[in-house]
Protein backbone atom coordinates (compact mmCIF):
# COMPACT_ATOMS: atom_id res chain seq x y z
CA MET A 1 -23.33 -1.09 -3.74
CA GLY A 2 -23.25 1.88 -1.41
CA ASP A 3 -21.40 4.01 -3.96
CA GLY A 4 -23.98 6.68 -4.65
CA ARG A 5 -25.34 5.00 -7.82
CA ASP A 6 -28.24 3.16 -6.19
CA GLY A 7 -31.71 4.59 -6.74
CA HIS A 8 -31.90 7.91 -8.55
CA GLY A 9 -28.64 9.25 -9.84
CA ARG A 10 -27.11 11.20 -12.65
CA ALA A 11 -24.12 10.40 -14.84
CA ALA A 12 -21.62 12.98 -16.03
CA LEU A 13 -19.36 12.49 -19.02
CA VAL A 14 -16.13 14.48 -19.09
CA PHE A 15 -14.47 14.03 -22.46
CA ASN A 16 -11.63 15.32 -24.57
CA PRO A 17 -13.11 15.86 -28.05
CA VAL A 18 -9.67 15.63 -29.65
CA LYS A 19 -9.00 12.14 -28.26
CA VAL A 20 -12.44 10.54 -28.59
CA ARG A 21 -12.87 8.74 -31.91
CA SER A 22 -16.65 9.26 -32.12
CA VAL A 23 -18.08 11.82 -29.72
CA ALA A 24 -21.64 11.22 -31.00
CA ALA A 25 -21.44 7.45 -30.40
CA LEU A 26 -20.02 7.95 -26.90
CA GLN A 27 -22.67 10.49 -25.94
CA ALA A 28 -25.41 8.22 -27.27
CA ALA A 29 -24.07 5.24 -25.30
CA VAL A 30 -24.03 7.23 -22.04
CA ALA A 31 -27.51 8.65 -22.74
CA ASN A 32 -28.87 5.14 -23.42
CA GLY A 33 -27.26 3.81 -20.24
CA SER A 34 -28.84 6.62 -18.25
CA ALA A 35 -32.25 5.90 -19.76
CA ARG A 36 -32.00 2.19 -18.94
CA ALA A 37 -31.08 3.06 -15.35
CA GLY A 38 -34.04 5.42 -15.09
CA TRP A 39 -31.74 8.42 -14.70
CA PRO A 40 -32.14 11.84 -16.30
CA GLU A 41 -30.10 12.94 -19.31
CA PRO A 42 -26.38 12.85 -18.50
CA LEU A 43 -24.31 15.96 -17.99
CA LEU A 44 -21.88 16.35 -20.91
CA VAL A 45 -18.74 18.43 -20.32
CA GLU A 46 -15.87 18.97 -22.77
CA THR A 47 -12.30 19.57 -21.75
CA SER A 48 -10.24 22.27 -23.44
CA VAL A 49 -6.68 23.54 -23.71
CA GLU A 50 -7.44 25.98 -20.88
CA ASP A 51 -9.16 23.30 -18.77
CA PRO A 52 -7.71 19.81 -19.34
CA GLY A 53 -10.31 18.32 -17.00
CA GLN A 54 -10.10 19.57 -13.42
CA GLY A 55 -12.60 22.40 -13.82
CA ALA A 56 -14.99 20.31 -15.91
CA THR A 57 -14.95 17.57 -13.28
CA ARG A 58 -15.54 19.98 -10.42
CA ARG A 59 -18.58 21.34 -12.27
CA ALA A 60 -19.88 17.80 -12.72
CA LEU A 61 -19.45 17.03 -9.02
CA GLU A 62 -21.09 20.31 -8.00
CA ALA A 63 -24.04 19.41 -10.24
CA GLY A 64 -24.54 16.25 -8.18
CA ALA A 65 -23.07 13.58 -10.46
CA SER A 66 -23.25 10.15 -8.85
CA VAL A 67 -20.80 8.66 -11.35
CA VAL A 68 -18.33 10.41 -13.66
CA LEU A 69 -17.20 8.86 -16.93
CA VAL A 70 -13.93 10.12 -18.42
CA ALA A 71 -12.93 9.70 -22.05
CA GLY A 72 -9.63 11.02 -23.33
CA GLY A 73 -5.92 10.40 -23.22
CA ASP A 74 -3.76 9.72 -20.18
CA GLY A 75 -3.52 13.46 -19.50
CA THR A 76 -7.31 13.79 -19.39
CA VAL A 77 -7.61 10.79 -17.06
CA ARG A 78 -4.95 12.31 -14.78
CA ALA A 79 -6.67 15.71 -14.67
CA VAL A 80 -10.12 14.26 -13.98
CA SER A 81 -8.73 11.88 -11.33
CA GLU A 82 -7.03 14.83 -9.63
CA ALA A 83 -10.40 16.55 -9.23
CA MET A 84 -12.11 13.27 -8.21
CA ARG A 85 -9.55 12.53 -5.49
CA GLY A 86 -11.29 12.06 -2.14
CA SER A 87 -14.75 12.89 -3.53
CA GLY A 88 -16.18 9.42 -2.92
CA VAL A 89 -17.83 9.50 -6.36
CA PRO A 90 -16.97 6.57 -8.67
CA LEU A 91 -14.92 7.22 -11.81
CA ALA A 92 -15.48 5.11 -14.95
CA ILE A 93 -12.60 5.22 -17.44
CA VAL A 94 -13.71 4.85 -21.05
CA PRO A 95 -10.47 4.03 -22.95
CA SER A 96 -10.00 6.57 -25.72
CA GLY A 97 -6.36 7.60 -26.10
CA THR A 98 -3.25 5.74 -27.21
CA GLY A 99 -1.75 4.78 -23.85
CA ASN A 100 -4.72 4.03 -21.58
CA LEU A 101 -2.21 3.48 -18.78
CA LEU A 102 -4.58 3.48 -15.80
CA ALA A 103 -7.08 1.29 -17.67
CA ARG A 104 -4.31 -1.21 -18.47
CA ASN A 105 -3.14 -1.32 -14.86
CA LEU A 106 -6.71 -1.97 -13.73
CA ARG A 107 -6.97 -4.62 -16.47
CA LEU A 108 -10.08 -2.94 -17.82
CA PRO A 109 -11.53 -3.80 -21.22
CA LEU A 110 -10.16 -1.33 -23.78
CA GLU A 111 -13.52 -0.87 -25.54
CA MET A 112 -16.20 1.74 -25.02
CA ASP A 113 -19.36 -0.35 -24.52
CA PRO A 114 -18.34 -2.52 -21.54
CA MET A 115 -17.01 0.45 -19.59
CA VAL A 116 -20.10 2.57 -20.26
CA ARG A 117 -22.25 -0.34 -19.00
CA ALA A 118 -20.02 -0.71 -15.95
CA ALA A 119 -20.62 2.94 -15.04
CA PHE A 120 -24.23 2.01 -14.27
CA ASP A 121 -24.00 -1.56 -12.96
CA GLY A 122 -20.33 -2.36 -12.31
CA ASP A 123 -18.35 -2.75 -9.11
CA VAL A 124 -16.22 -0.06 -7.48
CA LEU A 125 -12.60 -0.53 -6.45
CA ASP A 126 -10.86 1.87 -4.06
CA VAL A 127 -7.41 2.52 -5.52
CA ASP A 128 -4.46 4.71 -4.61
CA ILE A 129 -3.55 8.00 -6.23
CA GLY A 130 -0.15 9.69 -6.22
CA VAL A 131 0.42 13.29 -5.16
CA ALA A 132 3.47 15.21 -6.37
CA THR A 133 4.69 18.46 -4.84
CA ILE A 134 6.98 20.12 -7.39
CA THR A 135 9.40 22.81 -6.18
CA ARG A 136 10.83 25.11 -8.82
CA ALA A 137 14.30 26.72 -8.66
CA SER A 138 12.57 29.92 -7.50
CA GLY A 139 11.07 28.09 -4.52
CA GLU A 140 7.55 28.22 -5.97
CA GLN A 141 5.58 25.02 -5.36
CA GLU A 142 2.84 23.25 -7.30
CA VAL A 143 0.81 20.22 -6.19
CA HIS A 144 -0.56 17.78 -8.77
CA ALA A 145 -1.98 14.27 -8.67
CA PHE A 146 -0.83 11.36 -10.83
CA VAL A 147 -2.46 7.98 -11.30
CA VAL A 148 0.33 5.92 -12.88
CA MET A 149 3.75 7.51 -12.41
CA ALA A 150 5.81 10.64 -12.08
CA GLY A 151 9.40 11.02 -13.21
CA MET A 152 12.41 13.30 -12.98
CA GLY A 153 15.27 13.27 -15.49
CA LEU A 154 15.67 11.51 -18.83
CA ASP A 155 12.12 10.14 -19.02
CA ALA A 156 10.73 13.67 -18.73
CA ALA A 157 13.23 14.99 -21.29
CA MET A 158 12.21 12.17 -23.63
CA ILE A 159 8.55 13.19 -23.33
CA ALA A 160 9.42 16.84 -23.88
CA ASN A 161 11.34 15.90 -27.05
CA THR A 162 8.56 13.76 -28.51
CA ASN A 163 6.89 15.23 -31.58
CA PRO A 164 3.20 15.90 -30.67
CA ARG A 165 2.00 15.13 -34.19
CA MET A 166 3.91 11.83 -34.23
CA LYS A 167 2.48 10.93 -30.81
CA LYS A 168 -1.04 11.59 -32.10
CA GLN A 169 -0.44 9.34 -35.12
CA LEU A 170 1.64 6.56 -33.56
CA GLY A 171 0.84 6.68 -29.85
CA TRP A 172 3.51 5.35 -27.49
CA VAL A 173 5.71 4.28 -30.41
CA ALA A 174 6.45 8.00 -30.87
CA TYR A 175 8.44 7.99 -27.63
CA VAL A 176 11.14 6.03 -29.45
CA ASP A 177 11.75 9.19 -31.46
CA GLY A 178 11.80 11.21 -28.25
CA ALA A 179 14.32 8.83 -26.74
CA ALA A 180 16.54 9.08 -29.82
CA ARG A 181 16.51 12.87 -29.47
CA SER A 182 17.24 12.77 -25.73
CA LEU A 183 19.85 10.02 -25.32
CA PRO A 184 22.77 11.74 -27.09
CA ALA A 185 22.64 14.65 -24.63
CA SER A 186 21.83 12.46 -21.64
CA ALA A 187 24.26 12.37 -18.75
CA PRO A 188 23.83 11.06 -15.21
CA PHE A 189 23.07 13.63 -12.56
CA ARG A 190 23.33 13.61 -8.78
CA ILE A 191 20.22 13.48 -6.61
CA ALA A 192 19.70 13.41 -2.87
CA TYR A 193 16.69 11.32 -1.90
CA GLN A 194 14.98 10.23 1.28
CA LEU A 195 12.14 7.85 1.97
CA GLU A 196 10.03 8.91 4.93
CA GLY A 197 11.49 7.59 8.17
CA ARG A 198 14.77 6.53 6.57
CA SER A 199 18.23 8.02 6.09
CA LEU A 200 19.16 10.56 3.42
CA HIS A 201 20.97 9.02 0.43
CA SER A 202 22.75 10.26 -2.68
CA ALA A 203 22.94 8.62 -6.11
CA LYS A 204 23.85 9.29 -9.72
CA VAL A 205 20.91 8.54 -12.02
CA HIS A 206 19.57 9.21 -15.48
CA SER A 207 15.99 9.13 -14.19
CA VAL A 208 14.05 8.54 -11.01
CA LEU A 209 10.52 7.21 -11.42
CA PHE A 210 7.75 7.27 -8.81
CA ALA A 211 5.14 4.62 -9.62
CA ASN A 212 1.65 4.15 -8.27
CA CYS A 213 1.38 1.11 -10.57
CA GLY A 214 3.87 -0.51 -12.88
CA ALA A 215 2.47 -1.75 -16.22
CA LEU A 216 3.31 0.07 -19.47
CA PRO A 217 2.13 -0.57 -23.06
CA ALA A 218 3.72 -3.39 -25.11
CA GLY A 219 3.67 -5.69 -22.08
CA ILE A 220 6.50 -3.88 -20.28
CA ASP A 221 6.43 -4.20 -16.50
CA LEU A 222 8.29 -1.23 -15.05
CA VAL A 223 7.88 -2.24 -11.42
CA PRO A 224 7.26 -5.97 -10.87
CA GLY A 225 4.71 -6.70 -8.19
CA ALA A 226 3.50 -3.09 -7.92
CA ARG A 227 -0.12 -2.84 -6.80
CA ILE A 228 -2.47 0.08 -7.17
CA ASP A 229 -4.22 -0.61 -3.86
CA ASP A 230 -1.32 -1.28 -1.43
CA GLY A 231 -0.76 2.27 -0.15
CA LEU A 232 2.86 2.19 -1.31
CA LEU A 233 4.86 4.22 -3.81
CA ASP A 234 7.33 2.17 -5.85
CA VAL A 235 10.48 4.05 -6.83
CA ALA A 236 12.87 3.09 -9.64
CA LEU A 237 16.33 4.63 -9.86
CA ILE A 238 17.55 4.24 -13.45
CA GLN A 239 21.34 3.83 -13.24
CA PRO A 240 22.87 2.45 -16.46
CA ALA A 241 26.63 1.94 -16.11
CA GLY A 242 29.28 1.57 -18.79
CA PRO A 243 28.95 1.50 -22.59
CA PHE A 244 26.33 -1.26 -22.48
CA GLY A 245 24.39 0.22 -19.57
CA TRP A 246 21.21 0.92 -21.54
CA LEU A 247 21.16 -2.68 -22.73
CA GLY A 248 21.07 -3.62 -19.06
CA VAL A 249 18.11 -1.30 -18.47
CA TRP A 250 16.24 -2.77 -21.44
CA ARG A 251 17.03 -6.31 -20.34
CA LYS A 252 15.76 -5.53 -16.85
CA LEU A 253 12.51 -3.99 -18.06
CA TRP A 254 11.69 -6.30 -20.94
CA TRP A 255 13.30 -9.67 -20.27
CA ASP A 256 13.64 -9.86 -16.48
CA ASN A 257 10.51 -7.97 -15.39
CA SER A 258 8.14 -8.66 -18.25
CA VAL A 259 9.07 -12.22 -19.29
CA LEU A 260 11.05 -14.15 -16.69
CA ARG A 261 9.09 -12.96 -13.66
CA ARG A 262 5.90 -14.45 -15.04
CA SER A 263 7.03 -17.95 -14.09
CA ARG A 264 8.37 -19.42 -10.85
CA LEU A 265 11.52 -20.69 -12.54
CA GLY A 266 12.05 -17.32 -14.22
CA ARG A 267 11.80 -15.50 -10.89
CA ARG A 268 14.53 -17.74 -9.50
CA VAL A 269 16.75 -16.88 -12.47
CA VAL A 270 16.18 -13.15 -11.93
CA GLU A 271 17.01 -13.44 -8.23
CA ARG A 272 20.36 -15.04 -9.07
CA THR A 273 21.22 -12.51 -11.81
CA ARG A 274 23.15 -9.39 -10.91
CA ASN A 275 21.72 -6.42 -12.84
CA GLN A 276 22.15 -3.08 -11.08
CA SER A 277 20.88 -0.91 -13.93
CA ILE A 278 17.63 -0.28 -12.05
CA ARG A 279 17.32 -0.06 -8.28
CA TYR A 280 13.92 -0.38 -6.63
CA LEU A 281 12.66 1.20 -3.41
CA SER A 282 9.20 1.50 -1.85
CA GLY A 283 7.47 3.55 0.80
CA GLU A 284 4.55 5.88 1.40
CA ARG A 285 6.50 9.09 0.69
CA ILE A 286 9.81 10.07 -0.90
CA GLU A 287 11.55 13.35 -1.66
CA ALA A 288 14.29 13.84 -4.27
CA ALA A 289 16.33 16.94 -5.07
CA SER A 290 18.94 17.84 -7.69
CA PRO A 291 21.54 20.65 -7.54
CA GLU A 292 20.48 21.62 -11.08
CA PRO A 293 16.75 21.76 -11.99
CA ARG A 294 15.65 18.72 -13.99
CA PRO A 295 12.60 18.09 -16.22
CA VAL A 296 9.60 16.47 -14.56
CA GLU A 297 6.69 14.49 -16.02
CA LEU A 298 3.39 13.24 -14.64
CA ASP A 299 1.56 10.41 -16.42
CA GLY A 300 3.34 11.19 -19.68
CA ASP A 301 2.86 14.97 -19.68
CA GLU A 302 5.79 17.35 -19.19
CA TYR A 303 5.67 19.69 -16.19
CA GLY A 304 8.79 21.81 -16.70
CA ASP A 305 11.98 21.81 -14.64
CA ALA A 306 12.07 21.23 -10.90
CA ALA A 307 14.77 21.45 -8.26
CA ARG A 308 12.89 19.15 -5.90
CA ILE A 309 9.97 16.76 -6.05
CA ARG A 310 8.10 15.06 -3.20
CA CYS A 311 5.79 12.19 -4.08
CA GLU A 312 3.39 10.39 -1.77
CA ILE A 313 0.47 8.01 -1.96
CA ASP A 314 -3.08 8.90 -0.95
CA ARG A 315 -4.37 5.43 -0.20
CA GLY A 316 -7.79 4.47 -1.55
CA ALA A 317 -8.58 8.08 -2.50
CA LEU A 318 -9.88 7.24 -5.99
CA ARG A 319 -12.98 5.09 -6.55
CA ALA A 320 -12.53 3.29 -9.87
CA VAL A 321 -15.44 1.60 -11.65
CA VAL A 322 -14.72 -1.90 -12.97
CA PRO A 323 -17.00 -4.42 -14.71
CA ARG A 324 -19.07 -6.51 -12.34
CA GLY A 325 -17.03 -9.36 -10.81
CA HIS A 326 -13.75 -7.78 -11.94
CA ALA A 327 -12.70 -6.01 -8.73
CA LEU A 328 -10.75 -8.81 -7.05
CA THR A 329 -8.60 -9.58 -10.11
CA ALA A 330 -7.99 -5.88 -10.75
CA ALA A 331 -6.82 -5.43 -7.17
CA ARG A 332 -4.04 -7.92 -7.81
CA SER A 333 -2.67 -6.08 -10.85
């Protein structure tokens, strides 16, 4: 396969012990897979509050891992992917959390055993990864990767207002509570934005989302037609208008994007329907700024307030393991 797993190799498992249902079963599965492949005992590295995954992954790569398995929530997958970016080493995602956003967008099986097996004998798909440069009001900058999406505005406030205990118990359903807490205080805000090579524009939005891929839990398609291997960033400007504006947003996301667009006739209906609650853009790089700092999120984790955010795509910089024969269908997700 030419991915560093041929011949003698070593697997590394980076896992979040809080998110993994049975750490012992997962470790045994990876150890058994290594034994069947004729590899030495796998390297086992836990994440922690101080190190959500970047440091653990770097240690695994420095130890010569030829494949890295990650097990944890979306935040763990994001942190490990950030450290894996550009390494050339395949990453196998073992679904463990409540969202499993990257796994869903790659159409991976959401069970442990098939993904552990794939780490040793699956195919490898080169996929894109997003890079966000966050500028604080002080001018200080931070650079972080994201695998699914970044956001500025109401979506980040909603995540910040979600009860952590409720999220642990209910998963993505808990964000309904966060939305209920955030919507009453929500007001549109002005942003200036510019896609690379295009003119500067201004808009009033409740949120601006930067998507590497577009599928969310519950069958919601945030960005129809978004692909994780096309080298493009898909941008959604959330612009509800009038007293029924949020109904328009929900109709766009659930009915138009996630139901009608799945059929040829439905796509024709959508094309003839005027719904301006969400505006879509695409490009390799975009920068957005607000006069007042706004909350920012990356893959469902809050990252504080930012005055400016620049997002871009690093094409093919993440090597994702998929079950054998699965790569072509995953590439069309």
